[in-house]
Amino acid sequence: MYTSDNGPAIDGWAKGKPVVLADIPSNKEHIKNQFVYAELFNFRDPADIAKKIEKIINNKDKKYINYANKSKISIGNVKWETVAKNYYNIFKKSLS
């Protein structure tokens, strides 16, 4: 119900693939802060998961491919050094 790790989604974004994610706070945080797109599903509802996957697969106007390409560019702008510095600052602040 909560995970700070978003490895599979990051892999999808980096490869320019449409991403389907659970509608949970940490995933929404990644989307907002990294300027990427994912179709969100209710993780307690298997039918919703299937519906969202089908929505992407059956999309005729290629909207999700466009989102995936934009996400690839955005995630490419995220640098490990910046992420590490931000974590360091959070940890430092929490110790103050």
PDB file of N, CA and C in Angstrom:
ATOM      1  N   MET A   1       0.804  -1.194   0.000  1.00  0.00           N
ATOM      2  CA  MET A   1       0.000   0.000   0.000  1.00  0.00           C
ATOM      3  C   MET A   1       0.845   1.255   0.000  1.00  0.00           C
ATOM      4  N   TYR A   2       2.133   1.079   0.321  1.00  0.00           N
ATOM      5  CA  TYR A   2       3.068   2.193   0.218  1.00  0.00           C
ATOM      6  C   TYR A   2       4.443   1.628  -0.087  1.00  0.00           C
ATOM      7  N   THR A   3       5.102   2.242  -1.005  1.00  0.00           N
ATOM      8  CA  THR A   3       6.482   1.884  -1.306  1.00  0.00           C
ATOM      9  C   THR A   3       7.217   3.141  -1.756  1.00  0.00           C
ATOM     10  N   SER A   4       8.413   3.303  -1.284  1.00  0.00           N
ATOM     11  CA  SER A   4       9.209   4.450  -1.737  1.00  0.00           C
ATOM     12  C   SER A   4      10.016   4.068  -2.978  1.00  0.00           C
ATOM     13  N   ASP A   5      10.126   2.785  -3.250  1.00  0.00           N
ATOM     14  CA  ASP A   5      10.871   2.294  -4.402  1.00  0.00           C
ATOM     15  C   ASP A   5       9.926   2.213  -5.595  1.00  0.00           C
ATOM     16  N   ASN A   6      10.355   2.739  -6.715  1.00  0.00           N
ATOM     17  CA  ASN A   6       9.516   2.739  -7.901  1.00  0.00           C
ATOM     18  C   ASN A   6      10.314   2.216  -9.088  1.00  0.00           C
ATOM     19  N   GLY A   7      11.156   1.208  -8.823  1.00  0.00           N
ATOM     20  CA  GLY A   7      12.057   0.677  -9.840  1.00  0.00           C
ATOM     21  C   GLY A   7      11.404   0.272 -11.146  1.00  0.00           C
ATOM     22  N   PRO A   8      10.384  -0.599 -11.134  1.00  0.00           N
ATOM     23  CA  PRO A   8       9.773  -1.006 -12.404  1.00  0.00           C
ATOM     24  C   PRO A   8       9.187   0.158 -13.201  1.00  0.00           C
ATOM     25  N   ALA A   9       8.564   1.113 -12.525  1.00  0.00           N
ATOM     26  CA  ALA A   9       8.007   2.270 -13.232  1.00  0.00           C
ATOM     27  C   ALA A   9       9.126   3.108 -13.827  1.00  0.00           C
ATOM     28  N   ILE A  10      10.196   3.311 -13.081  1.00  0.00           N
ATOM     29  CA  ILE A  10      11.330   4.087 -13.595  1.00  0.00           C
ATOM     30  C   ILE A  10      11.913   3.405 -14.824  1.00  0.00           C
ATOM     31  N   ASP A  11      12.001   2.077 -14.794  1.00  0.00           N
ATOM     32  CA  ASP A  11      12.486   1.347 -15.969  1.00  0.00           C
ATOM     33  C   ASP A  11      11.579   1.596 -17.167  1.00  0.00           C
ATOM     34  N   GLY A  12      10.277   1.551 -16.956  1.00  0.00           N
ATOM     35  CA  GLY A  12       9.331   1.810 -18.040  1.00  0.00           C
ATOM     36  C   GLY A  12       9.469   3.213 -18.580  1.00  0.00           C
ATOM     37  N   TRP A  13       9.525   4.197 -17.687  1.00  0.00           N
ATOM     38  CA  TRP A  13       9.677   5.585 -18.119  1.00  0.00           C
ATOM     39  C   TRP A  13      10.981   5.769 -18.900  1.00  0.00           C
ATOM     40  N   ALA A  14      12.067   5.199 -18.389  1.00  0.00           N
ATOM     41  CA  ALA A  14      13.374   5.354 -19.030  1.00  0.00           C
ATOM     42  C   ALA A  14      13.404   4.728 -20.423  1.00  0.00           C
ATOM     43  N   LYS A  15      12.613   3.687 -20.624  1.00  0.00           N
ATOM     44  CA  LYS A  15      12.578   3.016 -21.927  1.00  0.00           C
ATOM     45  C   LYS A  15      11.474   3.555 -22.839  1.00  0.00           C
ATOM     46  N   GLY A  16      10.720   4.542 -22.346  1.00  0.00           N
ATOM     47  CA  GLY A  16       9.663   5.132 -23.167  1.00  0.00           C
ATOM     48  C   GLY A  16       8.463   4.223 -23.341  1.00  0.00           C
ATOM     49  N   LYS A  17       8.125   3.470 -22.302  1.00  0.00           N
ATOM     50  CA  LYS A  17       6.981   2.558 -22.338  1.00  0.00           C
ATOM     51  C   LYS A  17       5.844   3.109 -21.474  1.00  0.00           C
ATOM     52  N   PRO A  18       4.599   2.881 -21.886  1.00  0.00           N
ATOM     53  CA  PRO A  18       3.481   3.281 -21.026  1.00  0.00           C
ATOM     54  C   PRO A  18       3.565   2.553 -19.681  1.00  0.00           C
ATOM     55  N   VAL A  19       3.193   3.253 -18.625  1.00  0.00           N
ATOM     56  CA  VAL A  19       3.309   2.717 -17.267  1.00  0.00           C
ATOM     57  C   VAL A  19       1.933   2.706 -16.601  1.00  0.00           C
ATOM     58  N   VAL A  20       1.644   1.599 -15.908  1.00  0.00           N
ATOM     59  CA  VAL A  20       0.425   1.452 -15.121  1.00  0.00           C
ATOM     60  C   VAL A  20       0.870   1.242 -13.680  1.00  0.00           C
ATOM     61  N   LEU A  21       0.356   2.083 -12.776  1.00  0.00           N
ATOM     62  CA  LEU A  21       0.784   2.042 -11.372  1.00  0.00           C
ATOM     63  C   LEU A  21      -0.400   2.037 -10.427  1.00  0.00           C
ATOM     64  N   ALA A  22      -0.169   1.509  -9.240  1.00  0.00           N
ATOM     65  CA  ALA A  22      -1.174   1.575  -8.182  1.00  0.00           C
ATOM     66  C   ALA A  22      -1.386   3.022  -7.759  1.00  0.00           C
ATOM     67  N   ASP A  23      -2.613   3.363  -7.509  1.00  0.00           N
ATOM     68  CA  ASP A  23      -2.990   4.716  -7.084  1.00  0.00           C
ATOM     69  C   ASP A  23      -2.719   4.855  -5.583  1.00  0.00           C
ATOM     70  N   ILE A  24      -1.439   5.045  -5.256  1.00  0.00           N
ATOM     71  CA  ILE A  24      -1.016   5.199  -3.864  1.00  0.00           C
ATOM     72  C   ILE A  24      -0.162   6.468  -3.754  1.00  0.00           C
ATOM     73  N   PRO A  25      -0.055   7.023  -2.560  1.00  0.00           N
ATOM     74  CA  PRO A  25       0.647   8.302  -2.389  1.00  0.00           C
ATOM     75  C   PRO A  25       2.071   8.338  -2.952  1.00  0.00           C
ATOM     76  N   SER A  26       2.855   7.300  -2.717  1.00  0.00           N
ATOM     77  CA  SER A  26       4.242   7.343  -3.190  1.00  0.00           C
ATOM     78  C   SER A  26       4.327   7.379  -4.709  1.00  0.00           C
ATOM     79  N   ASN A  27       3.444   6.671  -5.396  1.00  0.00           N
ATOM     80  CA  ASN A  27       3.451   6.696  -6.855  1.00  0.00           C
ATOM     81  C   ASN A  27       3.013   8.055  -7.378  1.00  0.00           C
ATOM     82  N   LYS A  28       2.013   8.638  -6.743  1.00  0.00           N
ATOM     83  CA  LYS A  28       1.577   9.983  -7.140  1.00  0.00           C
ATOM     84  C   LYS A  28       2.693  10.996  -6.929  1.00  0.00           C
ATOM     85  N   GLU A  29       3.475  10.809  -5.872  1.00  0.00           N
ATOM     86  CA  GLU A  29       4.611  11.693  -5.582  1.00  0.00           C
ATOM     87  C   GLU A  29       5.652  11.607  -6.700  1.00  0.00           C
ATOM     88  N   HIS A  30       5.956  10.387  -7.136  1.00  0.00           N
ATOM     89  CA  HIS A  30       6.912  10.215  -8.247  1.00  0.00           C
ATOM     90  C   HIS A  30       6.412  10.912  -9.504  1.00  0.00           C
ATOM     91  N   ILE A  31       5.143  10.719  -9.810  1.00  0.00           N
ATOM     92  CA  ILE A  31       4.566  11.322 -11.017  1.00  0.00           C
ATOM     93  C   ILE A  31       4.666  12.843 -10.949  1.00  0.00           C
ATOM     94  N   LYS A  32       4.296  13.396  -9.815  1.00  0.00           N
ATOM     95  CA  LYS A  32       4.295  14.851  -9.655  1.00  0.00           C
ATOM     96  C   LYS A  32       5.714  15.427  -9.692  1.00  0.00           C
ATOM     97  N   ASN A  33       6.612  14.829  -8.950  1.00  0.00           N
ATOM     98  CA  ASN A  33       7.958  15.390  -8.803  1.00  0.00           C
ATOM     99  C   ASN A  33       8.879  15.119  -9.990  1.00  0.00           C
ATOM    100  N   GLN A  34       8.610  14.067 -10.725  1.00  0.00           N
ATOM    101  CA  GLN A  34       9.488  13.723 -11.846  1.00  0.00           C
ATOM    102  C   GLN A  34       8.858  14.061 -13.193  1.00  0.00           C
ATOM    103  N   PHE A  35       7.678  14.639 -13.180  1.00  0.00           N
ATOM    104  CA  PHE A  35       6.997  15.073 -14.408  1.00  0.00           C
ATOM    105  C   PHE A  35       6.826  13.931 -15.407  1.00  0.00           C
ATOM    106  N   VAL A  36       6.379  12.785 -14.891  1.00  0.00           N
ATOM    107  CA  VAL A  36       6.136  11.604 -15.719  1.00  0.00           C
ATOM    108  C   VAL A  36       4.650  11.256 -15.669  1.00  0.00           C
ATOM    109  N   TYR A  37       4.238  10.326 -16.527  1.00  0.00           N
ATOM    110  CA  TYR A  37       2.843   9.949 -16.599  1.00  0.00           C
ATOM    111  C   TYR A  37       2.690   8.452 -16.338  1.00  0.00           C
ATOM    112  N   ALA A  38       1.619   8.110 -15.643  1.00  0.00           N
ATOM    113  CA  ALA A  38       1.224   6.711 -15.482  1.00  0.00           C
ATOM    114  C   ALA A  38      -0.286   6.655 -15.354  1.00  0.00           C
ATOM    115  N   GLU A  39      -0.847   5.608 -15.879  1.00  0.00           N
ATOM    116  CA  GLU A  39      -2.263   5.338 -15.674  1.00  0.00           C
ATOM    117  C   GLU A  39      -2.381   4.680 -14.304  1.00  0.00           C
ATOM    118  N   LEU A  40      -3.172   5.270 -13.423  1.00  0.00           N
ATOM    119  CA  LEU A  40      -3.289   4.773 -12.053  1.00  0.00           C
ATOM    120  C   LEU A  40      -4.493   3.850 -11.891  1.00  0.00           C
ATOM    121  N   PHE A  41      -4.294   2.800 -11.097  1.00  0.00           N
ATOM    122  CA  PHE A  41      -5.382   1.859 -10.840  1.00  0.00           C
ATOM    123  C   PHE A  41      -5.590   1.674  -9.340  1.00  0.00           C
ATOM    124  N   ASN A  42      -6.790   1.248  -8.986  1.00  0.00           N
ATOM    125  CA  ASN A  42      -7.119   0.906  -7.604  1.00  0.00           C
ATOM    126  C   ASN A  42      -6.504  -0.464  -7.319  1.00  0.00           C
ATOM    127  N   PHE A  43      -5.495  -0.515  -6.462  1.00  0.00           N
ATOM    128  CA  PHE A  43      -4.771  -1.765  -6.217  1.00  0.00           C
ATOM    129  C   PHE A  43      -5.618  -2.813  -5.511  1.00  0.00           C
ATOM    130  N   ARG A  44      -6.752  -2.435  -4.987  1.00  0.00           N
ATOM    131  CA  ARG A  44      -7.649  -3.391  -4.325  1.00  0.00           C
ATOM    132  C   ARG A  44      -8.689  -3.970  -5.296  1.00  0.00           C
ATOM    133  N   ASP A  45      -8.616  -3.572  -6.550  1.00  0.00           N
ATOM    134  CA  ASP A  45      -9.631  -3.960  -7.526  1.00  0.00           C
ATOM    135  C   ASP A  45      -8.979  -4.570  -8.764  1.00  0.00           C
ATOM    136  N   PRO A  46      -8.886  -5.896  -8.830  1.00  0.00           N
ATOM    137  CA  PRO A  46      -8.260  -6.544  -9.995  1.00  0.00           C
ATOM    138  C   PRO A  46      -8.917  -6.156 -11.319  1.00  0.00           C
ATOM    139  N   ALA A  47     -10.217  -5.933 -11.316  1.00  0.00           N
ATOM    140  CA  ALA A  47     -10.901  -5.538 -12.560  1.00  0.00           C
ATOM    141  C   ALA A  47     -10.410  -4.168 -13.019  1.00  0.00           C
ATOM    142  N   ASP A  48     -10.101  -3.270 -12.081  1.00  0.00           N
ATOM    143  CA  ASP A  48      -9.601  -1.951 -12.452  1.00  0.00           C
ATOM    144  C   ASP A  48      -8.195  -2.044 -13.032  1.00  0.00           C
ATOM    145  N   ILE A  49      -7.389  -2.929 -12.472  1.00  0.00           N
ATOM    146  CA  ILE A  49      -6.041  -3.140 -13.014  1.00  0.00           C
ATOM    147  C   ILE A  49      -6.154  -3.585 -14.478  1.00  0.00           C
ATOM    148  N   ALA A  50      -6.980  -4.580 -14.726  1.00  0.00           N
ATOM    149  CA  ALA A  50      -7.164  -5.085 -16.088  1.00  0.00           C
ATOM    150  C   ALA A  50      -7.720  -3.995 -17.001  1.00  0.00           C
ATOM    151  N   LYS A  51      -8.670  -3.227 -16.493  1.00  0.00           N
ATOM    152  CA  LYS A  51      -9.282  -2.152 -17.290  1.00  0.00           C
ATOM    153  C   LYS A  51      -8.241  -1.129 -17.732  1.00  0.00           C
ATOM    154  N   LYS A  52      -7.342  -0.745 -16.825  1.00  0.00           N
ATOM    155  CA  LYS A  52      -6.331   0.261 -17.146  1.00  0.00           C
ATOM    156  C   LYS A  52      -5.313  -0.289 -18.147  1.00  0.00           C
ATOM    157  N   ILE A  53      -4.948  -1.541 -18.006  1.00  0.00           N
ATOM    158  CA  ILE A  53      -4.019  -2.150 -18.970  1.00  0.00           C
ATOM    159  C   ILE A  53      -4.670  -2.212 -20.348  1.00  0.00           C
ATOM    160  N   GLU A  54      -5.918  -2.654 -20.391  1.00  0.00           N
ATOM    161  CA  GLU A  54      -6.644  -2.711 -21.664  1.00  0.00           C
ATOM    162  C   GLU A  54      -6.798  -1.318 -22.280  1.00  0.00           C
ATOM    163  N   LYS A  55      -7.023  -0.332 -21.439  1.00  0.00           N
ATOM    164  CA  LYS A  55      -7.174   1.048 -21.915  1.00  0.00           C
ATOM    165  C   LYS A  55      -5.926   1.479 -22.696  1.00  0.00           C
ATOM    166  N   ILE A  56      -4.762   1.148 -22.183  1.00  0.00           N
ATOM    167  CA  ILE A  56      -3.509   1.507 -22.851  1.00  0.00           C
ATOM    168  C   ILE A  56      -3.308   0.673 -24.117  1.00  0.00           C
ATOM    169  N   ILE A  57      -3.530  -0.628 -24.022  1.00  0.00           N
ATOM    170  CA  ILE A  57      -3.312  -1.514 -25.169  1.00  0.00           C
ATOM    171  C   ILE A  57      -4.240  -1.160 -26.328  1.00  0.00           C
ATOM    172  N   ASN A  58      -5.480  -0.817 -26.012  1.00  0.00           N
ATOM    173  CA  ASN A  58      -6.476  -0.563 -27.056  1.00  0.00           C
ATOM    174  C   ASN A  58      -6.567   0.888 -27.500  1.00  0.00           C
ATOM    175  N   ASN A  59      -5.688   1.741 -27.006  1.00  0.00           N
ATOM    176  CA  ASN A  59      -5.726   3.156 -27.354  1.00  0.00           C
ATOM    177  C   ASN A  59      -5.346   3.353 -28.815  1.00  0.00           C
ATOM    178  N   LYS A  60      -6.275   3.881 -29.584  1.00  0.00           N
ATOM    179  CA  LYS A  60      -6.063   4.043 -31.026  1.00  0.00           C
ATOM    180  C   LYS A  60      -5.323   5.328 -31.390  1.00  0.00           C
ATOM    181  N   ASP A  61      -5.485   6.379 -30.591  1.00  0.00           N
ATOM    182  CA  ASP A  61      -4.857   7.654 -30.968  1.00  0.00           C
ATOM    183  C   ASP A  61      -3.425   7.788 -30.457  1.00  0.00           C
ATOM    184  N   LYS A  62      -2.896   6.727 -29.871  1.00  0.00           N
ATOM    185  CA  LYS A  62      -1.496   6.680 -29.428  1.00  0.00           C
ATOM    186  C   LYS A  62      -1.177   7.695 -28.328  1.00  0.00           C
ATOM    187  N   LYS A  63      -2.188   8.113 -27.596  1.00  0.00           N
ATOM    188  CA  LYS A  63      -2.006   9.062 -26.497  1.00  0.00           C
ATOM    189  C   LYS A  63      -0.978   8.541 -25.491  1.00  0.00           C
ATOM    190  N   TYR A  64      -1.031   7.244 -25.185  1.00  0.00           N
ATOM    191  CA  TYR A  64      -0.136   6.705 -24.161  1.00  0.00           C
ATOM    192  C   TYR A  64       1.303   6.581 -24.657  1.00  0.00           C
ATOM    193  N   ILE A  65       1.483   6.395 -25.950  1.00  0.00           N
ATOM    194  CA  ILE A  65       2.838   6.400 -26.512  1.00  0.00           C
ATOM    195  C   ILE A  65       3.426   7.805 -26.381  1.00  0.00           C
ATOM    196  N   ASN A  66       2.616   8.802 -26.643  1.00  0.00           N
ATOM    197  CA  ASN A  66       3.046  10.193 -26.499  1.00  0.00           C
ATOM    198  C   ASN A  66       3.421  10.485 -25.044  1.00  0.00           C
ATOM    199  N   TYR A  67       2.575  10.054 -24.111  1.00  0.00           N
ATOM    200  CA  TYR A  67       2.881  10.221 -22.679  1.00  0.00           C
ATOM    201  C   TYR A  67       4.190   9.506 -22.320  1.00  0.00           C
ATOM    202  N   ALA A  68       4.367   8.309 -22.856  1.00  0.00           N
ATOM    203  CA  ALA A  68       5.576   7.525 -22.564  1.00  0.00           C
ATOM    204  C   ALA A  68       6.823   8.238 -23.075  1.00  0.00           C
ATOM    205  N   ASN A  69       6.738   8.801 -24.269  1.00  0.00           N
ATOM    206  CA  ASN A  69       7.886   9.524 -24.823  1.00  0.00           C
ATOM    207  C   ASN A  69       8.210  10.765 -23.999  1.00  0.00           C
ATOM    208  N   LYS A  70       7.182  11.493 -23.573  1.00  0.00           N
ATOM    209  CA  LYS A  70       7.406  12.661 -22.713  1.00  0.00           C
ATOM    210  C   LYS A  70       7.994  12.243 -21.372  1.00  0.00           C
ATOM    211  N   SER A  71       7.510  11.126 -20.830  1.00  0.00           N
ATOM    212  CA  SER A  71       8.034  10.624 -19.557  1.00  0.00           C
ATOM    213  C   SER A  71       9.495  10.218 -19.684  1.00  0.00           C
ATOM    214  N   LYS A  72       9.864   9.638 -20.827  1.00  0.00           N
ATOM    215  CA  LYS A  72      11.263   9.238 -21.062  1.00  0.00           C
ATOM    216  C   LYS A  72      12.174  10.457 -21.006  1.00  0.00           C
ATOM    217  N   ILE A  73      11.738  11.539 -21.617  1.00  0.00           N
ATOM    218  CA  ILE A  73      12.532  12.769 -21.584  1.00  0.00           C
ATOM    219  C   ILE A  73      12.633  13.299 -20.158  1.00  0.00           C
ATOM    220  N   SER A  74      11.507  13.326 -19.452  1.00  0.00           N
ATOM    221  CA  SER A  74      11.490  13.857 -18.078  1.00  0.00           C
ATOM    222  C   SER A  74      12.350  13.031 -17.135  1.00  0.00           C
ATOM    223  N   ILE A  75      12.220  11.711 -17.208  1.00  0.00           N
ATOM    224  CA  ILE A  75      12.982  10.862 -16.287  1.00  0.00           C
ATOM    225  C   ILE A  75      14.470  10.933 -16.619  1.00  0.00           C
ATOM    226  N   GLY A  76      14.793  11.212 -17.875  1.00  0.00           N
ATOM    227  CA  GLY A  76      16.187  11.381 -18.261  1.00  0.00           C
ATOM    228  C   GLY A  76      16.829  12.612 -17.651  1.00  0.00           C
ATOM    229  N   ASN A  77      15.996  13.549 -17.227  1.00  0.00           N
ATOM    230  CA  ASN A  77      16.506  14.767 -16.586  1.00  0.00           C
ATOM    231  C   ASN A  77      16.736  14.594 -15.085  1.00  0.00           C
ATOM    232  N   VAL A  78      16.305  13.472 -14.524  1.00  0.00           N
ATOM    233  CA  VAL A  78      16.508  13.206 -13.104  1.00  0.00           C
ATOM    234  C   VAL A  78      17.908  12.611 -12.932  1.00  0.00           C
ATOM    235  N   LYS A  79      18.724  13.283 -12.177  1.00  0.00           N
ATOM    236  CA  LYS A  79      20.109  12.848 -11.968  1.00  0.00           C
ATOM    237  C   LYS A  79      20.283  12.275 -10.560  1.00  0.00           C
ATOM    238  N   TRP A  80      21.021  11.168 -10.472  1.00  0.00           N
ATOM    239  CA  TRP A  80      21.240  10.520  -9.193  1.00  0.00           C
ATOM    240  C   TRP A  80      21.859  11.489  -8.186  1.00  0.00           C
ATOM    241  N   GLU A  81      22.762  12.336  -8.626  1.00  0.00           N
ATOM    242  CA  GLU A  81      23.414  13.278  -7.721  1.00  0.00           C
ATOM    243  C   GLU A  81      22.382  14.193  -7.059  1.00  0.00           C
ATOM    244  N   THR A  82      21.398  14.638  -7.815  1.00  0.00           N
ATOM    245  CA  THR A  82      20.348  15.502  -7.272  1.00  0.00           C
ATOM    246  C   THR A  82      19.487  14.732  -6.283  1.00  0.00           C
ATOM    247  N   VAL A  83      19.117  13.513  -6.637  1.00  0.00           N
ATOM    248  CA  VAL A  83      18.308  12.680  -5.743  1.00  0.00           C
ATOM    249  C   VAL A  83      19.064  12.428  -4.441  1.00  0.00           C
ATOM    250  N   ALA A  84      20.331  12.059  -4.548  1.00  0.00           N
ATOM    251  CA  ALA A  84      21.142  11.786  -3.364  1.00  0.00           C
ATOM    252  C   ALA A  84      21.266  13.031  -2.492  1.00  0.00           C
ATOM    253  N   LYS A  85      21.490  14.186  -3.107  1.00  0.00           N
ATOM    254  CA  LYS A  85      21.602  15.438  -2.355  1.00  0.00           C
ATOM    255  C   LYS A  85      20.303  15.747  -1.618  1.00  0.00           C
ATOM    256  N   ASN A  86      19.178  15.523  -2.275  1.00  0.00           N
ATOM    257  CA  ASN A  86      17.887  15.769  -1.632  1.00  0.00           C
ATOM    258  C   ASN A  86      17.659  14.837  -0.446  1.00  0.00           C
ATOM    259  N   TYR A  87      18.006  13.548  -0.615  1.00  0.00           N
ATOM    260  CA  TYR A  87      17.901  12.608   0.513  1.00  0.00           C
ATOM    261  C   TYR A  87      18.811  13.048   1.654  1.00  0.00           C
ATOM    262  N   TYR A  88      20.039  13.406   1.327  1.00  0.00           N
ATOM    263  CA  TYR A  88      20.989  13.848   2.343  1.00  0.00           C
ATOM    264  C   TYR A  88      20.420  15.036   3.135  1.00  0.00           C
ATOM    265  N   ASN A  89      19.858  16.004   2.419  1.00  0.00           N
ATOM    266  CA  ASN A  89      19.294  17.189   3.093  1.00  0.00           C
ATOM    267  C   ASN A  89      18.125  16.828   3.994  1.00  0.00           C
ATOM    268  N   ILE A  90      17.308  15.888   3.560  1.00  0.00           N
ATOM    269  CA  ILE A  90      16.182  15.439   4.400  1.00  0.00           C
ATOM    270  C   ILE A  90      16.702  14.770   5.658  1.00  0.00           C
ATOM    271  N   PHE A  91      17.678  13.864   5.501  1.00  0.00           N
ATOM    272  CA  PHE A  91      18.235  13.165   6.662  1.00  0.00           C
ATOM    273  C   PHE A  91      18.917  14.140   7.616  1.00  0.00           C
ATOM    274  N   LYS A  92      19.653  15.075   7.046  1.00  0.00           N
ATOM    275  CA  LYS A  92      20.349  16.090   7.853  1.00  0.00           C
ATOM    276  C   LYS A  92      19.342  16.922   8.641  1.00  0.00           C
ATOM    277  N   LYS A  93      18.280  17.340   7.980  1.00  0.00           N
ATOM    278  CA  LYS A  93      17.245  18.147   8.631  1.00  0.00           C
ATOM    279  C   LYS A  93      16.561  17.371   9.760  1.00  0.00           C
ATOM    280  N   SER A  94      16.331  16.079   9.536  1.00  0.00           N
ATOM    281  CA  SER A  94      15.644  15.267  10.549  1.00  0.00           C
ATOM    282  C   SER A  94      16.498  15.073  11.792  1.00  0.00           C
ATOM    283  N   LEU A  95      17.813  15.209  11.655  1.00  0.00           N
ATOM    284  CA  LEU A  95      18.705  15.063  12.799  1.00  0.00           C
ATOM    285  C   LEU A  95      18.890  16.368  13.568  1.00  0.00           C
ATOM    286  N   SER A  96      18.421  17.460  13.020  1.00  0.00           N
ATOM    287  CA  SER A  96      18.581  18.756  13.676  1.00  0.00           C
ATOM    288  C   SER A  96      17.626  18.925  14.831  1.00  0.00           C
TER     289      SER A  96
END
